[in-house]
Each structure stands twice: as structure tokens, then as C-alpha cells.
Amino acid sequence: MKKLIVFLLLLLVSTYCSSENYYQITLLRAAPGNLAQLINQAKEYKTQKKGNISIMRHSQGDHWDLMLLEPFKKNTYTSIDFSSKADFQHEFIATSSVTWSEIKPMSDASGIFHIEMFHAVHGKSQELIKQRNMENKYLTLTKRRANIIFETSFGSDVDSFTIGYYKDMMAFASMPNLPSEVFSKAATDAGFKSRDDIGLYLRELILSHHDTIATQVE
């Protein structure tokens, strides 16, 4: 009955969604001893979707094993039941200003994903999105790749999340060799009071967040 209600509500949401920038996210936790089989089942699902899905395998920082990200098209909601291999499955819908045609090449070329999921302070969800955009500007001004920002529209208590796409751990961990004044100026140009204010401002806007490194499942 619960599955039916979720399905009907998601269909209702889909009638009001423009298809291009909406995404379906599925979080999966394998039943004990079934991670390898769950990964294979997710790979089969990716084949069914003709590769139009990103599968990220959790390595630390959260309770799920796999995150599936796929474009959500109007009136074409699909759900696969992973319950034979998973003891937790949660699906929700999010939107982004970035299209799937932009995300897919980045995903295909990435080995590492940095995923941050945020629970905003009440009334601060939109300011949180503003802060994430400011931080993206700071990243690009310091010669780093911006994160993709997703805002939950239905189905999760996560208000928003970001994904950073990296070739490998070296690319994720490396800092550009720039003078400290460049970082300071980039922070103020992005709208922060100072470089130190970046993290402090974020903390004013969130109740909690989950910070996860994931690897690609091809």
C-alpha cells in the first residue's frame, strides 16, 4: 500500500515537472551479504535505461550503499523493486539548473563523487541554495570545478544536496597552487565576508549534513 501511495504521488508531481532538469534519486542499502548482487542488479537496471543513469557506490559517511541518479521525465516515472537484495530503498525527486546532457558526460568521466546532503534550518532552504551557488563561484574563481546543486522537490527530508565530479582522489584532494590573496579575493568576490566565512556561513544555515565520498559503478 505504501509503495502504491508513493507511486501515485510521484505521478502527480510528474504532471507538473518540466522534464529536462528533474531527477529521480534512489538510495539503496544492501541486505547483509548481498552487496555484490545488489550492484549487479543496479547494473542491469542501467542497461535497461540505456546508460542514462549514474550509479554511485558509497564508501563512507552515510547509511546507504548505492545512489542512483537518473533524469525524471514527465509522465514516465519508473521504479524497480530492489527488495530481494536491499533492506532499504528510498526514492525522491530533485531538480537542478544543470541538464542531464551536461551531467552525464561528467559522470561518465568521473571515478570519484563528493556528495553532500543538507538539512536546512527552518526557513533557510533558499538561502542555503544561495550559499551553495556562492561557494560554486568561489570554486571556479580558484580554478576548481563547481559542484552540481540539486534541490529536493518531493519525497525526502533532505532539502538539497550537491555532487562534485572528479576523475580520481588526487583530483578531489588537490588544491590549486595560488597565492593566498587570490583565495581571499575569490571569497569576497563570491559574496562571503572572508575566506574563513565560507564554512561559518554554511553552518548558520544547516541543522545537519552528510558528507560522502562515492565511487563509480560502471
N, C-alpha and C. Protein backbone atom coordinates (compact mmCIF):
# COMPACT_ATOMS: atom_id res chain seq x y z
N MET A 1 0.83 -1.20 0.00
CA MET A 1 0.00 0.00 0.00
C MET A 1 0.87 1.27 0.00
N LYS A 2 1.95 1.24 0.84
CA LYS A 2 2.86 2.38 0.91
C LYS A 2 3.48 2.66 -0.44
N LYS A 3 3.93 1.58 -1.14
CA LYS A 3 4.53 1.73 -2.47
C LYS A 3 3.54 2.36 -3.45
N LEU A 4 2.28 1.95 -3.36
CA LEU A 4 1.26 2.46 -4.27
C LEU A 4 1.05 3.96 -4.04
N ILE A 5 1.00 4.37 -2.77
CA ILE A 5 0.79 5.78 -2.44
C ILE A 5 1.96 6.61 -2.97
N VAL A 6 3.19 6.13 -2.75
CA VAL A 6 4.37 6.85 -3.24
C VAL A 6 4.32 6.96 -4.75
N PHE A 7 3.97 5.86 -5.41
CA PHE A 7 3.90 5.85 -6.87
C PHE A 7 2.89 6.87 -7.38
N LEU A 8 1.69 6.91 -6.78
CA LEU A 8 0.65 7.83 -7.22
C LEU A 8 1.05 9.29 -6.97
N LEU A 9 1.68 9.56 -5.83
CA LEU A 9 2.12 10.91 -5.54
C LEU A 9 3.22 11.36 -6.50
N LEU A 10 4.12 10.45 -6.83
CA LEU A 10 5.19 10.80 -7.77
C LEU A 10 4.62 11.05 -9.16
N LEU A 11 3.61 10.29 -9.55
CA LEU A 11 2.95 10.55 -10.82
C LEU A 11 2.28 11.92 -10.82
N LEU A 12 1.67 12.27 -9.69
CA LEU A 12 1.04 13.58 -9.58
C LEU A 12 2.07 14.69 -9.73
N VAL A 13 3.21 14.53 -9.06
CA VAL A 13 4.29 15.51 -9.18
C VAL A 13 4.77 15.59 -10.62
N SER A 14 4.88 14.45 -11.29
CA SER A 14 5.44 14.42 -12.64
C SER A 14 4.62 15.24 -13.63
N THR A 15 3.32 15.37 -13.39
CA THR A 15 2.48 16.13 -14.33
C THR A 15 2.80 17.62 -14.29
N TYR A 16 3.46 18.06 -13.22
CA TYR A 16 3.80 19.48 -13.09
C TYR A 16 5.29 19.75 -13.29
N CYS A 17 6.07 18.71 -13.63
CA CYS A 17 7.51 18.86 -13.78
C CYS A 17 7.88 19.05 -15.24
N SER A 18 8.70 20.06 -15.53
CA SER A 18 9.35 20.08 -16.84
C SER A 18 10.39 18.99 -16.81
N SER A 19 10.51 18.23 -17.88
CA SER A 19 11.29 17.00 -17.82
C SER A 19 12.78 17.23 -17.81
N GLU A 20 13.25 18.35 -18.33
CA GLU A 20 14.67 18.46 -18.63
C GLU A 20 15.57 18.43 -17.40
N ASN A 21 15.17 19.14 -16.34
CA ASN A 21 16.07 19.30 -15.21
C ASN A 21 15.60 18.64 -13.92
N TYR A 22 14.70 17.69 -14.03
CA TYR A 22 14.24 16.95 -12.86
C TYR A 22 14.90 15.58 -12.81
N TYR A 23 15.19 15.14 -11.58
CA TYR A 23 15.94 13.90 -11.41
C TYR A 23 15.28 13.00 -10.37
N GLN A 24 15.37 11.72 -10.62
CA GLN A 24 14.93 10.71 -9.66
C GLN A 24 16.17 10.16 -8.98
N ILE A 25 16.15 10.16 -7.66
CA ILE A 25 17.27 9.64 -6.88
C ILE A 25 16.78 8.43 -6.11
N THR A 26 17.54 7.35 -6.17
CA THR A 26 17.21 6.13 -5.43
C THR A 26 18.39 5.77 -4.54
N LEU A 27 18.13 5.68 -3.24
CA LEU A 27 19.15 5.26 -2.28
C LEU A 27 18.88 3.82 -1.88
N LEU A 28 19.93 3.01 -1.89
CA LEU A 28 19.79 1.58 -1.61
C LEU A 28 20.82 1.13 -0.57
N ARG A 29 20.38 0.31 0.36
CA ARG A 29 21.30 -0.35 1.29
C ARG A 29 21.12 -1.85 1.13
N ALA A 30 22.20 -2.53 0.86
CA ALA A 30 22.13 -3.97 0.63
C ALA A 30 21.77 -4.73 1.91
N ALA A 31 20.98 -5.76 1.76
CA ALA A 31 20.76 -6.69 2.87
C ALA A 31 22.10 -7.38 3.16
N PRO A 32 22.34 -7.79 4.40
CA PRO A 32 23.64 -8.40 4.74
C PRO A 32 24.04 -9.51 3.77
N GLY A 33 25.24 -9.41 3.23
CA GLY A 33 25.76 -10.43 2.33
C GLY A 33 25.34 -10.28 0.88
N ASN A 34 24.57 -9.21 0.59
CA ASN A 34 24.01 -9.09 -0.75
C ASN A 34 24.52 -7.88 -1.55
N LEU A 35 25.60 -7.26 -1.12
CA LEU A 35 26.06 -6.06 -1.81
C LEU A 35 26.46 -6.35 -3.26
N ALA A 36 27.20 -7.41 -3.48
CA ALA A 36 27.64 -7.73 -4.85
C ALA A 36 26.43 -7.98 -5.76
N GLN A 37 25.45 -8.71 -5.24
CA GLN A 37 24.25 -8.99 -6.04
C GLN A 37 23.44 -7.73 -6.29
N LEU A 38 23.39 -6.83 -5.29
CA LEU A 38 22.67 -5.57 -5.46
C LEU A 38 23.35 -4.70 -6.52
N ILE A 39 24.66 -4.67 -6.51
CA ILE A 39 25.40 -3.92 -7.52
C ILE A 39 25.09 -4.47 -8.91
N ASN A 40 25.07 -5.78 -9.04
CA ASN A 40 24.75 -6.40 -10.34
C ASN A 40 23.33 -6.05 -10.78
N GLN A 41 22.40 -6.03 -9.83
CA GLN A 41 21.02 -5.68 -10.16
C GLN A 41 20.94 -4.22 -10.62
N ALA A 42 21.70 -3.35 -9.97
CA ALA A 42 21.73 -1.94 -10.38
C ALA A 42 22.34 -1.79 -11.78
N LYS A 43 23.36 -2.58 -12.07
CA LYS A 43 23.97 -2.56 -13.41
C LYS A 43 22.97 -3.01 -14.48
N GLU A 44 22.18 -4.03 -14.16
CA GLU A 44 21.16 -4.49 -15.10
C GLU A 44 20.13 -3.39 -15.36
N TYR A 45 19.79 -2.67 -14.29
CA TYR A 45 18.84 -1.56 -14.44
C TYR A 45 19.44 -0.47 -15.32
N LYS A 46 20.73 -0.21 -15.17
CA LYS A 46 21.39 0.78 -16.01
C LYS A 46 21.35 0.38 -17.48
N THR A 47 21.52 -0.91 -17.74
CA THR A 47 21.42 -1.41 -19.11
C THR A 47 20.02 -1.18 -19.66
N GLN A 48 19.00 -1.44 -18.83
CA GLN A 48 17.62 -1.21 -19.25
C GLN A 48 17.37 0.26 -19.58
N LYS A 49 18.05 1.15 -18.86
CA LYS A 49 17.89 2.59 -19.06
C LYS A 49 18.83 3.12 -20.14
N LYS A 50 19.49 2.21 -20.86
CA LYS A 50 20.40 2.57 -21.95
C LYS A 50 21.52 3.51 -21.47
N GLY A 51 21.98 3.25 -20.26
CA GLY A 51 23.10 4.00 -19.71
C GLY A 51 22.74 5.35 -19.14
N ASN A 52 21.47 5.74 -19.20
CA ASN A 52 21.05 7.05 -18.72
C ASN A 52 20.78 7.05 -17.21
N ILE A 53 21.81 6.68 -16.49
CA ILE A 53 21.73 6.63 -15.04
C ILE A 53 23.15 6.64 -14.50
N SER A 54 23.34 7.30 -13.38
CA SER A 54 24.63 7.31 -12.71
C SER A 54 24.50 6.49 -11.43
N ILE A 55 25.41 5.52 -11.25
CA ILE A 55 25.39 4.67 -10.06
C ILE A 55 26.62 4.99 -9.22
N MET A 56 26.40 5.45 -8.01
CA MET A 56 27.50 5.84 -7.12
C MET A 56 27.51 4.92 -5.90
N ARG A 57 28.68 4.34 -5.64
CA ARG A 57 28.82 3.42 -4.51
C ARG A 57 29.44 4.14 -3.33
N HIS A 58 28.69 4.17 -2.24
CA HIS A 58 29.12 4.82 -1.01
C HIS A 58 30.40 4.18 -0.47
N SER A 59 31.29 5.02 0.07
CA SER A 59 32.47 4.47 0.74
C SER A 59 32.56 4.89 2.20
N GLN A 60 31.94 6.02 2.54
CA GLN A 60 31.99 6.48 3.93
C GLN A 60 30.96 7.58 4.14
N GLY A 61 30.49 7.71 5.38
CA GLY A 61 29.74 8.90 5.76
C GLY A 61 28.23 8.84 5.72
N ASP A 62 27.62 7.74 5.29
CA ASP A 62 26.16 7.68 5.28
C ASP A 62 25.73 6.22 5.35
N HIS A 63 24.42 5.98 5.46
CA HIS A 63 23.92 4.65 5.74
C HIS A 63 23.55 3.86 4.49
N TRP A 64 23.60 4.47 3.30
CA TRP A 64 23.25 3.76 2.09
C TRP A 64 24.49 3.23 1.39
N ASP A 65 24.30 2.24 0.53
CA ASP A 65 25.40 1.66 -0.23
C ASP A 65 25.49 2.21 -1.65
N LEU A 66 24.33 2.45 -2.27
CA LEU A 66 24.30 2.92 -3.65
C LEU A 66 23.35 4.10 -3.79
N MET A 67 23.77 5.07 -4.60
CA MET A 67 22.88 6.15 -5.01
C MET A 67 22.72 6.07 -6.51
N LEU A 68 21.48 6.02 -6.98
CA LEU A 68 21.18 6.02 -8.40
C LEU A 68 20.59 7.38 -8.76
N LEU A 69 21.17 8.03 -9.75
CA LEU A 69 20.70 9.32 -10.21
C LEU A 69 20.32 9.21 -11.68
N GLU A 70 19.09 9.57 -12.01
CA GLU A 70 18.64 9.47 -13.40
C GLU A 70 17.68 10.60 -13.72
N PRO A 71 17.60 11.00 -14.98
CA PRO A 71 16.65 12.06 -15.35
C PRO A 71 15.23 11.59 -15.14
N PHE A 72 14.39 12.49 -14.70
CA PHE A 72 12.99 12.19 -14.42
C PHE A 72 12.14 12.90 -15.45
N LYS A 73 11.51 12.14 -16.32
CA LYS A 73 10.75 12.73 -17.41
C LYS A 73 9.26 12.69 -17.12
N LYS A 74 8.58 13.71 -17.57
CA LYS A 74 7.15 13.87 -17.31
C LYS A 74 6.36 12.63 -17.72
N ASN A 75 5.55 12.14 -16.77
CA ASN A 75 4.63 11.02 -17.01
C ASN A 75 5.33 9.72 -17.36
N THR A 76 6.63 9.60 -17.04
CA THR A 76 7.33 8.35 -17.33
C THR A 76 8.06 7.82 -16.09
N TYR A 77 7.49 8.08 -14.91
CA TYR A 77 8.12 7.58 -13.68
C TYR A 77 8.21 6.06 -13.70
N THR A 78 9.40 5.56 -13.41
CA THR A 78 9.60 4.12 -13.32
C THR A 78 10.28 3.79 -12.00
N SER A 79 9.93 2.67 -11.43
CA SER A 79 10.56 2.24 -10.19
C SER A 79 10.83 0.75 -10.30
N ILE A 80 12.04 0.35 -9.93
CA ILE A 80 12.38 -1.07 -9.91
C ILE A 80 12.47 -1.51 -8.46
N ASP A 81 11.95 -2.66 -8.16
CA ASP A 81 11.94 -3.16 -6.79
C ASP A 81 13.24 -3.90 -6.52
N PHE A 82 14.08 -3.31 -5.65
CA PHE A 82 15.35 -3.93 -5.29
C PHE A 82 15.26 -4.72 -3.99
N SER A 83 14.04 -4.96 -3.51
CA SER A 83 13.88 -5.51 -2.16
C SER A 83 14.43 -6.92 -1.99
N SER A 84 14.62 -7.66 -3.09
CA SER A 84 15.17 -9.01 -2.95
C SER A 84 16.63 -8.97 -2.51
N LYS A 85 17.33 -7.86 -2.76
CA LYS A 85 18.74 -7.73 -2.40
C LYS A 85 19.01 -6.57 -1.45
N ALA A 86 18.02 -5.69 -1.26
CA ALA A 86 18.21 -4.50 -0.43
C ALA A 86 17.25 -4.52 0.76
N ASP A 87 17.74 -4.05 1.91
CA ASP A 87 16.82 -3.93 3.05
C ASP A 87 16.41 -2.48 3.28
N PHE A 88 16.86 -1.58 2.40
CA PHE A 88 16.44 -0.18 2.44
C PHE A 88 16.42 0.36 1.02
N GLN A 89 15.30 0.96 0.62
CA GLN A 89 15.18 1.61 -0.68
C GLN A 89 14.35 2.87 -0.51
N HIS A 90 14.91 4.00 -0.92
CA HIS A 90 14.20 5.26 -0.80
C HIS A 90 14.36 6.06 -2.07
N GLU A 91 13.25 6.53 -2.62
CA GLU A 91 13.26 7.29 -3.87
C GLU A 91 12.72 8.68 -3.63
N PHE A 92 13.34 9.67 -4.25
CA PHE A 92 12.81 11.02 -4.18
C PHE A 92 13.15 11.77 -5.46
N ILE A 93 12.53 12.94 -5.60
CA ILE A 93 12.66 13.75 -6.81
C ILE A 93 13.36 15.06 -6.45
N ALA A 94 14.31 15.46 -7.29
CA ALA A 94 15.03 16.72 -7.09
C ALA A 94 15.17 17.42 -8.43
N THR A 95 15.46 18.72 -8.36
CA THR A 95 15.66 19.49 -9.56
C THR A 95 17.02 20.17 -9.52
N SER A 96 17.52 20.53 -10.68
CA SER A 96 18.80 21.21 -10.80
C SER A 96 18.75 22.16 -11.99
N SER A 97 19.56 23.20 -11.94
CA SER A 97 19.67 24.09 -13.09
C SER A 97 20.50 23.46 -14.20
N VAL A 98 21.15 22.34 -13.89
CA VAL A 98 22.03 21.66 -14.85
C VAL A 98 21.27 20.51 -15.49
N THR A 99 21.36 20.38 -16.80
CA THR A 99 20.63 19.35 -17.53
C THR A 99 21.37 18.01 -17.50
N TRP A 100 20.63 16.95 -17.78
CA TRP A 100 21.23 15.62 -17.84
C TRP A 100 22.28 15.54 -18.95
N SER A 101 22.07 16.24 -20.04
CA SER A 101 23.05 16.21 -21.13
C SER A 101 24.38 16.83 -20.70
N GLU A 102 24.35 17.68 -19.67
CA GLU A 102 25.59 18.23 -19.11
C GLU A 102 26.16 17.32 -18.02
N ILE A 103 25.29 16.71 -17.23
CA ILE A 103 25.75 15.88 -16.12
C ILE A 103 26.33 14.55 -16.60
N LYS A 104 25.68 13.91 -17.56
CA LYS A 104 26.08 12.56 -17.97
C LYS A 104 27.55 12.48 -18.39
N PRO A 105 28.07 13.38 -19.24
CA PRO A 105 29.49 13.27 -19.60
C PRO A 105 30.43 13.42 -18.40
N MET A 106 30.06 14.30 -17.47
CA MET A 106 30.87 14.46 -16.26
C MET A 106 30.84 13.18 -15.43
N SER A 107 29.66 12.60 -15.32
CA SER A 107 29.52 11.37 -14.55
C SER A 107 30.32 10.23 -15.18
N ASP A 108 30.18 10.08 -16.50
CA ASP A 108 30.88 9.00 -17.20
C ASP A 108 32.40 9.12 -17.06
N ALA A 109 32.91 10.36 -16.95
CA ALA A 109 34.35 10.58 -16.88
C ALA A 109 34.89 10.58 -15.46
N SER A 110 34.00 10.42 -14.48
CA SER A 110 34.40 10.54 -13.07
C SER A 110 34.57 9.18 -12.42
N GLY A 111 35.58 9.10 -11.57
CA GLY A 111 35.76 7.90 -10.74
C GLY A 111 35.36 8.14 -9.31
N ILE A 112 35.33 9.43 -8.93
CA ILE A 112 35.04 9.82 -7.55
C ILE A 112 33.93 10.87 -7.54
N PHE A 113 33.00 10.72 -6.59
CA PHE A 113 31.93 11.68 -6.39
C PHE A 113 31.95 12.17 -4.94
N HIS A 114 31.88 13.47 -4.76
CA HIS A 114 31.77 14.03 -3.42
C HIS A 114 30.33 14.49 -3.24
N ILE A 115 29.61 13.81 -2.36
CA ILE A 115 28.17 14.04 -2.19
C ILE A 115 27.93 14.63 -0.80
N GLU A 116 27.26 15.78 -0.77
CA GLU A 116 26.89 16.40 0.50
C GLU A 116 25.38 16.60 0.52
N MET A 117 24.72 16.06 1.55
CA MET A 117 23.28 16.17 1.71
C MET A 117 22.98 17.06 2.91
N PHE A 118 22.08 18.04 2.71
CA PHE A 118 21.85 19.08 3.71
C PHE A 118 20.42 19.08 4.23
N HIS A 119 20.30 19.25 5.55
CA HIS A 119 19.03 19.55 6.20
C HIS A 119 19.10 21.01 6.64
N ALA A 120 18.29 21.86 6.03
CA ALA A 120 18.37 23.29 6.29
C ALA A 120 17.64 23.67 7.57
N VAL A 121 18.12 24.75 8.20
CA VAL A 121 17.37 25.38 9.28
C VAL A 121 16.02 25.84 8.72
N HIS A 122 14.98 25.76 9.54
CA HIS A 122 13.65 26.14 9.08
C HIS A 122 13.66 27.55 8.49
N GLY A 123 13.12 27.67 7.28
CA GLY A 123 13.05 28.96 6.62
C GLY A 123 14.31 29.38 5.90
N LYS A 124 15.34 28.52 5.93
CA LYS A 124 16.63 28.88 5.34
C LYS A 124 16.99 28.05 4.11
N SER A 125 16.06 27.27 3.59
CA SER A 125 16.41 26.38 2.48
C SER A 125 16.84 27.14 1.23
N GLN A 126 16.17 28.25 0.93
CA GLN A 126 16.54 29.03 -0.24
C GLN A 126 17.84 29.79 -0.03
N GLU A 127 18.07 30.25 1.20
CA GLU A 127 19.35 30.90 1.49
C GLU A 127 20.49 29.89 1.40
N LEU A 128 20.20 28.64 1.75
CA LEU A 128 21.20 27.58 1.60
C LEU A 128 21.56 27.38 0.13
N ILE A 129 20.57 27.39 -0.74
CA ILE A 129 20.85 27.29 -2.17
C ILE A 129 21.71 28.46 -2.62
N LYS A 130 21.41 29.65 -2.12
CA LYS A 130 22.21 30.83 -2.43
C LYS A 130 23.66 30.62 -1.99
N GLN A 131 23.84 30.09 -0.78
CA GLN A 131 25.21 29.85 -0.27
C GLN A 131 25.94 28.84 -1.13
N ARG A 132 25.25 27.82 -1.57
CA ARG A 132 25.91 26.80 -2.40
C ARG A 132 26.34 27.40 -3.74
N ASN A 133 25.53 28.29 -4.29
CA ASN A 133 25.91 28.98 -5.53
C ASN A 133 27.10 29.91 -5.31
N MET A 134 27.11 30.60 -4.17
CA MET A 134 28.26 31.45 -3.83
C MET A 134 29.53 30.61 -3.73
N GLU A 135 29.42 29.45 -3.10
CA GLU A 135 30.61 28.59 -2.96
C GLU A 135 31.06 28.07 -4.32
N ASN A 136 30.11 27.79 -5.20
CA ASN A 136 30.48 27.37 -6.56
C ASN A 136 31.25 28.48 -7.27
N LYS A 137 30.82 29.72 -7.09
CA LYS A 137 31.55 30.84 -7.70
C LYS A 137 32.95 30.91 -7.14
N TYR A 138 33.08 30.72 -5.84
CA TYR A 138 34.40 30.71 -5.20
C TYR A 138 35.28 29.61 -5.78
N LEU A 139 34.71 28.43 -5.98
CA LEU A 139 35.48 27.32 -6.54
C LEU A 139 35.97 27.64 -7.94
N THR A 140 35.10 28.16 -8.78
CA THR A 140 35.50 28.44 -10.16
C THR A 140 36.52 29.58 -10.21
N LEU A 141 36.41 30.56 -9.32
CA LEU A 141 37.38 31.65 -9.27
C LEU A 141 38.76 31.17 -8.81
N THR A 142 38.79 30.03 -8.12
CA THR A 142 40.07 29.46 -7.68
C THR A 142 40.42 28.22 -8.50
N LYS A 143 39.94 28.21 -9.73
CA LYS A 143 40.33 27.23 -10.75
C LYS A 143 39.96 25.79 -10.38
N ARG A 144 38.79 25.65 -9.76
CA ARG A 144 38.27 24.31 -9.44
C ARG A 144 36.88 24.15 -10.03
N ARG A 145 36.46 22.92 -10.15
CA ARG A 145 35.15 22.63 -10.75
C ARG A 145 34.04 22.85 -9.74
N ALA A 146 32.98 23.50 -10.19
CA ALA A 146 31.82 23.73 -9.32
C ALA A 146 31.08 22.42 -9.08
N ASN A 147 30.37 22.37 -7.96
CA ASN A 147 29.50 21.24 -7.66
C ASN A 147 28.16 21.41 -8.37
N ILE A 148 27.50 20.30 -8.66
CA ILE A 148 26.14 20.36 -9.18
C ILE A 148 25.18 20.43 -7.99
N ILE A 149 24.31 21.41 -8.01
CA ILE A 149 23.38 21.63 -6.91
C ILE A 149 22.01 21.04 -7.26
N PHE A 150 21.47 20.24 -6.36
CA PHE A 150 20.15 19.65 -6.52
C PHE A 150 19.27 20.11 -5.35
N GLU A 151 18.04 20.48 -5.66
CA GLU A 151 17.08 20.88 -4.64
C GLU A 151 15.92 19.88 -4.63
N THR A 152 15.66 19.30 -3.47
CA THR A 152 14.60 18.32 -3.36
C THR A 152 13.24 18.97 -3.59
N SER A 153 12.45 18.34 -4.45
CA SER A 153 11.09 18.85 -4.68
C SER A 153 10.03 17.94 -4.07
N PHE A 154 10.37 16.68 -3.84
CA PHE A 154 9.38 15.77 -3.27
C PHE A 154 10.07 14.50 -2.77
N GLY A 155 9.65 14.02 -1.58
CA GLY A 155 9.96 12.67 -1.18
C GLY A 155 11.09 12.46 -0.19
N SER A 156 11.76 13.54 0.27
CA SER A 156 12.87 13.37 1.19
C SER A 156 12.94 14.53 2.16
N ASP A 157 13.46 14.27 3.37
CA ASP A 157 13.69 15.35 4.31
C ASP A 157 15.00 16.07 4.04
N VAL A 158 15.79 15.58 3.08
CA VAL A 158 16.98 16.30 2.63
C VAL A 158 16.50 17.49 1.80
N ASP A 159 16.87 18.70 2.20
CA ASP A 159 16.41 19.89 1.49
C ASP A 159 17.14 20.10 0.18
N SER A 160 18.42 19.81 0.18
CA SER A 160 19.22 19.96 -1.03
C SER A 160 20.48 19.10 -0.89
N PHE A 161 21.11 18.84 -2.01
CA PHE A 161 22.39 18.12 -1.97
C PHE A 161 23.23 18.54 -3.16
N THR A 162 24.52 18.33 -3.03
CA THR A 162 25.44 18.66 -4.11
C THR A 162 26.28 17.44 -4.45
N ILE A 163 26.69 17.37 -5.70
CA ILE A 163 27.61 16.33 -6.15
C ILE A 163 28.78 17.00 -6.85
N GLY A 164 29.98 16.66 -6.40
CA GLY A 164 31.20 17.08 -7.08
C GLY A 164 31.75 15.92 -7.88
N TYR A 165 32.13 16.18 -9.12
CA TYR A 165 32.58 15.13 -10.04
C TYR A 165 34.09 15.25 -10.24
N TYR A 166 34.81 14.15 -9.97
CA TYR A 166 36.27 14.16 -10.04
C TYR A 166 36.79 12.89 -10.73
N LYS A 167 37.90 13.04 -11.43
CA LYS A 167 38.49 11.90 -12.11
C LYS A 167 38.95 10.84 -11.12
N ASP A 168 39.60 11.28 -10.03
CA ASP A 168 40.13 10.35 -9.03
C ASP A 168 40.33 11.10 -7.72
N MET A 169 40.86 10.39 -6.71
CA MET A 169 41.05 11.00 -5.40
C MET A 169 42.07 12.13 -5.46
N MET A 170 43.07 11.99 -6.31
CA MET A 170 44.07 13.05 -6.45
C MET A 170 43.41 14.35 -6.91
N ALA A 171 42.54 14.24 -7.91
CA ALA A 171 41.85 15.43 -8.41
C ALA A 171 40.95 16.02 -7.33
N PHE A 172 40.34 15.17 -6.51
CA PHE A 172 39.46 15.66 -5.44
C PHE A 172 40.27 16.36 -4.35
N ALA A 173 41.40 15.80 -3.98
CA ALA A 173 42.16 16.31 -2.84
C ALA A 173 43.10 17.45 -3.19
N SER A 174 43.43 17.62 -4.46
CA SER A 174 44.42 18.62 -4.86
C SER A 174 43.87 20.04 -4.74
N MET A 175 44.71 20.93 -4.25
CA MET A 175 44.38 22.35 -4.20
C MET A 175 45.20 23.08 -5.26
N PRO A 176 44.62 24.05 -5.93
CA PRO A 176 45.39 24.81 -6.92
C PRO A 176 46.50 25.60 -6.25
N ASN A 177 47.62 25.71 -6.93
CA ASN A 177 48.77 26.43 -6.40
C ASN A 177 48.61 27.93 -6.69
N LEU A 178 47.88 28.59 -5.81
CA LEU A 178 47.58 30.01 -5.98
C LEU A 178 47.98 30.77 -4.72
N PRO A 179 48.35 32.02 -4.86
CA PRO A 179 48.66 32.83 -3.67
C PRO A 179 47.45 32.95 -2.75
N SER A 180 47.69 33.10 -1.47
CA SER A 180 46.59 33.17 -0.51
C SER A 180 45.66 34.35 -0.78
N GLU A 181 46.24 35.45 -1.31
CA GLU A 181 45.40 36.61 -1.59
C GLU A 181 44.39 36.33 -2.71
N VAL A 182 44.72 35.39 -3.60
CA VAL A 182 43.78 35.01 -4.66
C VAL A 182 42.56 34.33 -4.05
N PHE A 183 42.79 33.44 -3.09
CA PHE A 183 41.69 32.77 -2.41
C PHE A 183 40.85 33.78 -1.63
N SER A 184 41.51 34.71 -0.96
CA SER A 184 40.79 35.71 -0.18
C SER A 184 39.91 36.59 -1.07
N LYS A 185 40.46 37.03 -2.19
CA LYS A 185 39.70 37.87 -3.11
C LYS A 185 38.55 37.09 -3.73
N ALA A 186 38.81 35.83 -4.07
CA ALA A 186 37.75 35.00 -4.65
C ALA A 186 36.58 34.86 -3.68
N ALA A 187 36.88 34.72 -2.40
CA ALA A 187 35.82 34.58 -1.39
C ALA A 187 34.96 35.83 -1.32
N THR A 188 35.59 36.99 -1.28
CA THR A 188 34.80 38.23 -1.21
C THR A 188 34.09 38.52 -2.52
N ASP A 189 34.71 38.19 -3.65
CA ASP A 189 34.05 38.36 -4.94
C ASP A 189 32.82 37.46 -5.06
N ALA A 190 32.87 36.31 -4.39
CA ALA A 190 31.73 35.39 -4.42
C ALA A 190 30.61 35.81 -3.47
N GLY A 191 30.89 36.80 -2.61
CA GLY A 191 29.85 37.30 -1.71
C GLY A 191 30.06 37.00 -0.24
N PHE A 192 31.14 36.30 0.10
CA PHE A 192 31.44 36.00 1.50
C PHE A 192 32.17 37.17 2.15
N LYS A 193 32.09 37.25 3.47
CA LYS A 193 32.81 38.31 4.20
C LYS A 193 34.32 38.11 4.09
N SER A 194 34.72 36.85 4.08
CA SER A 194 36.13 36.50 4.01
C SER A 194 36.23 35.03 3.64
N ARG A 195 37.43 34.56 3.42
CA ARG A 195 37.63 33.14 3.14
C ARG A 195 37.17 32.28 4.31
N ASP A 196 37.46 32.73 5.53
CA ASP A 196 37.06 31.97 6.72
C ASP A 196 35.55 31.90 6.89
N ASP A 197 34.85 32.84 6.28
CA ASP A 197 33.40 32.92 6.45
C ASP A 197 32.65 31.86 5.66
N ILE A 198 33.32 31.21 4.71
CA ILE A 198 32.62 30.25 3.84
C ILE A 198 31.97 29.14 4.66
N GLY A 199 32.76 28.49 5.50
CA GLY A 199 32.22 27.41 6.33
C GLY A 199 31.31 27.91 7.43
N LEU A 200 31.63 29.08 8.00
CA LEU A 200 30.82 29.62 9.09
C LEU A 200 29.42 29.97 8.60
N TYR A 201 29.34 30.55 7.41
CA TYR A 201 28.04 30.92 6.85
C TYR A 201 27.21 29.67 6.56
N LEU A 202 27.84 28.64 6.00
CA LEU A 202 27.13 27.39 5.74
C LEU A 202 26.55 26.83 7.03
N ARG A 203 27.34 26.86 8.10
CA ARG A 203 26.89 26.28 9.36
C ARG A 203 25.69 27.01 9.95
N GLU A 204 25.54 28.30 9.63
CA GLU A 204 24.38 29.06 10.10
C GLU A 204 23.08 28.57 9.46
N LEU A 205 23.19 27.90 8.33
CA LEU A 205 22.02 27.57 7.52
C LEU A 205 21.58 26.12 7.62
N ILE A 206 22.37 25.27 8.26
CA ILE A 206 22.05 23.84 8.26
C ILE A 206 21.90 23.29 9.67
N LEU A 207 20.94 22.37 9.81
CA LEU A 207 20.80 21.60 11.05
C LEU A 207 21.80 20.47 11.07
N SER A 208 21.98 19.84 9.90
CA SER A 208 22.92 18.73 9.79
C SER A 208 23.20 18.48 8.32
N HIS A 209 24.26 17.72 8.07
CA HIS A 209 24.52 17.29 6.70
C HIS A 209 25.34 16.02 6.72
N HIS A 210 25.24 15.25 5.62
CA HIS A 210 26.00 14.02 5.44
C HIS A 210 27.00 14.26 4.31
N ASP A 211 28.24 13.93 4.58
CA ASP A 211 29.33 14.16 3.64
C ASP A 211 29.89 12.81 3.23
N THR A 212 29.75 12.49 1.95
CA THR A 212 30.07 11.14 1.47
C THR A 212 31.00 11.17 0.26
N ILE A 213 31.98 10.28 0.27
CA ILE A 213 32.78 10.01 -0.93
C ILE A 213 32.23 8.73 -1.54
N ALA A 214 31.98 8.77 -2.83
CA ALA A 214 31.46 7.58 -3.53
C ALA A 214 32.31 7.32 -4.76
N THR A 215 32.28 6.08 -5.20
CA THR A 215 32.98 5.70 -6.42
C THR A 215 31.97 5.29 -7.49
N GLN A 216 32.41 5.30 -8.73
CA GLN A 216 31.50 4.97 -9.82
C GLN A 216 31.32 3.47 -10.01
N VAL A 217 30.09 3.08 -10.23
CA VAL A 217 29.78 1.72 -10.65
C VAL A 217 29.47 1.78 -12.15
N GLU A 218 30.29 1.18 -12.97
CA GLU A 218 30.12 1.27 -14.42
C GLU A 218 29.22 0.15 -14.93
